[in-house]
Amino acid sequence: MKVAEFRAKSDDELEDQIRDLKKESFNLRFQKASGQLENTARQRQVRRDLARVKTVLGERLSAKSSTGVE
């Protein structure tokens, strides 16, 4: 996904997205360990999407704290 798609989501949706991506990452690691992983590029994509979501949440938190709004 692109960053713009993540920015359009609410904080709750992003938290759900993080949980889903962590689950998928775990499942992909498990598949790799058991030799069943077919799409190895998906691991990289999931890892980067997770980082994007965390970055967007961090930016929002930073913006809230710098303006004094909670």
C-alpha atoms as a PDB file:
ATOM      1  CA  MET A   1       0.000   0.000   0.000  1.00  0.00           C
ATOM      2  CA  LYS A   2       1.034   3.572  -0.453  1.00  0.00           C
ATOM      3  CA  VAL A   3       1.508   6.035   2.382  1.00  0.00           C
ATOM      4  CA  ALA A   4      -1.411   8.144   1.163  1.00  0.00           C
ATOM      5  CA  GLU A   5      -3.727   5.172   1.670  1.00  0.00           C
ATOM      6  CA  PHE A   6      -2.530   4.795   5.258  1.00  0.00           C
ATOM      7  CA  ARG A   7      -2.883   8.515   5.944  1.00  0.00           C
ATOM      8  CA  ALA A   8      -6.542   8.345   4.874  1.00  0.00           C
ATOM      9  CA  LYS A   9      -7.303   5.825   7.643  1.00  0.00           C
ATOM     10  CA  SER A  10      -8.207   6.589  11.245  1.00  0.00           C
ATOM     11  CA  ASP A  11      -5.942   5.737  14.177  1.00  0.00           C
ATOM     12  CA  ASP A  12      -8.116   2.758  15.103  1.00  0.00           C
ATOM     13  CA  GLU A  13      -7.962   1.411  11.567  1.00  0.00           C
ATOM     14  CA  LEU A  14      -4.186   1.775  11.592  1.00  0.00           C
ATOM     15  CA  GLU A  15      -3.948  -0.112  14.888  1.00  0.00           C
ATOM     16  CA  ASP A  16      -6.010  -2.913  13.314  1.00  0.00           C
ATOM     17  CA  GLN A  17      -3.731  -2.816  10.284  1.00  0.00           C
ATOM     18  CA  ILE A  18      -0.663  -3.189  12.520  1.00  0.00           C
ATOM     19  CA  ARG A  19      -2.176  -6.212  14.246  1.00  0.00           C
ATOM     20  CA  ASP A  20      -3.049  -7.822  10.899  1.00  0.00           C
ATOM     21  CA  LEU A  21       0.406  -7.174   9.459  1.00  0.00           C
ATOM     22  CA  LYS A  22       2.103  -8.635  12.542  1.00  0.00           C
ATOM     23  CA  LYS A  23      -0.045 -11.762  12.251  1.00  0.00           C
ATOM     24  CA  GLU A  24       0.783 -12.072   8.571  1.00  0.00           C
ATOM     25  CA  SER A  25       4.474 -11.556   9.262  1.00  0.00           C
ATOM     26  CA  PHE A  26       4.398 -14.330  11.866  1.00  0.00           C
ATOM     27  CA  ASN A  27       2.609 -16.671   9.463  1.00  0.00           C
ATOM     28  CA  LEU A  28       5.108 -15.914   6.701  1.00  0.00           C
ATOM     29  CA  ARG A  29       8.046 -16.621   9.023  1.00  0.00           C
ATOM     30  CA  PHE A  30       6.414 -19.888  10.056  1.00  0.00           C
ATOM     31  CA  GLN A  31       5.879 -20.867   6.401  1.00  0.00           C
ATOM     32  CA  LYS A  32       9.499 -20.059   5.602  1.00  0.00           C
ATOM     33  CA  ALA A  33      10.756 -22.175   8.483  1.00  0.00           C
ATOM     34  CA  SER A  34       8.642 -25.130   7.379  1.00  0.00           C
ATOM     35  CA  GLY A  35       9.625 -24.722   3.718  1.00  0.00           C
ATOM     36  CA  GLN A  36       6.139 -23.830   2.507  1.00  0.00           C
ATOM     37  CA  LEU A  37       6.714 -20.160   1.640  1.00  0.00           C
ATOM     38  CA  GLU A  38       6.067 -19.545  -2.048  1.00  0.00           C
ATOM     39  CA  ASN A  39       6.129 -15.758  -2.342  1.00  0.00           C
ATOM     40  CA  THR A  40       9.294 -14.627  -0.570  1.00  0.00           C
ATOM     41  CA  ALA A  41       8.824 -11.027  -1.697  1.00  0.00           C
ATOM     42  CA  ARG A  42       5.695 -10.798   0.457  1.00  0.00           C
ATOM     43  CA  GLN A  43       7.837 -10.832   3.623  1.00  0.00           C
ATOM     44  CA  ARG A  44       9.599  -7.665   2.537  1.00  0.00           C
ATOM     45  CA  GLN A  45       6.338  -6.030   1.496  1.00  0.00           C
ATOM     46  CA  VAL A  46       4.674  -6.794   4.846  1.00  0.00           C
ATOM     47  CA  ARG A  47       7.687  -5.540   6.794  1.00  0.00           C
ATOM     48  CA  ARG A  48       7.711  -2.271   4.871  1.00  0.00           C
ATOM     49  CA  ASP A  49       3.955  -1.781   5.156  1.00  0.00           C
ATOM     50  CA  LEU A  50       4.253  -2.270   8.911  1.00  0.00           C
ATOM     51  CA  ALA A  51       6.968   0.380   9.046  1.00  0.00           C
ATOM     52  CA  ARG A  52       4.822   2.762   6.980  1.00  0.00           C
ATOM     53  CA  VAL A  53       1.855   2.361   9.316  1.00  0.00           C
ATOM     54  CA  LYS A  54       4.016   2.906  12.380  1.00  0.00           C
ATOM     55  CA  THR A  55       5.549   5.994  10.771  1.00  0.00           C
ATOM     56  CA  VAL A  56       2.128   7.516  10.058  1.00  0.00           C
ATOM     57  CA  LEU A  57       0.989   6.856  13.631  1.00  0.00           C
ATOM     58  CA  GLY A  58       4.216   8.342  14.964  1.00  0.00           C
ATOM     59  CA  GLU A  59       3.771  11.456  12.841  1.00  0.00           C
ATOM     60  CA  ARG A  60       0.239  11.897  14.150  1.00  0.00           C
ATOM     61  CA  LEU A  61       1.365  11.448  17.743  1.00  0.00           C
ATOM     62  CA  SER A  62       4.203  13.897  17.215  1.00  0.00           C
ATOM     63  CA  ALA A  63       1.863  16.455  15.651  1.00  0.00           C
ATOM     64  CA  LYS A  64      -0.556  16.133  18.569  1.00  0.00           C
ATOM     65  CA  SER A  65       2.156  16.528  21.189  1.00  0.00           C
ATOM     66  CA  SER A  66       3.794  19.494  19.493  1.00  0.00           C
ATOM     67  CA  THR A  67       0.494  21.392  19.302  1.00  0.00           C
ATOM     68  CA  GLY A  68      -0.450  20.462  22.860  1.00  0.00           C
ATOM     69  CA  VAL A  69      -3.671  18.776  21.757  1.00  0.00           C
ATOM     70  CA  GLU A  70      -4.468  15.352  23.217  1.00  0.00           C
END
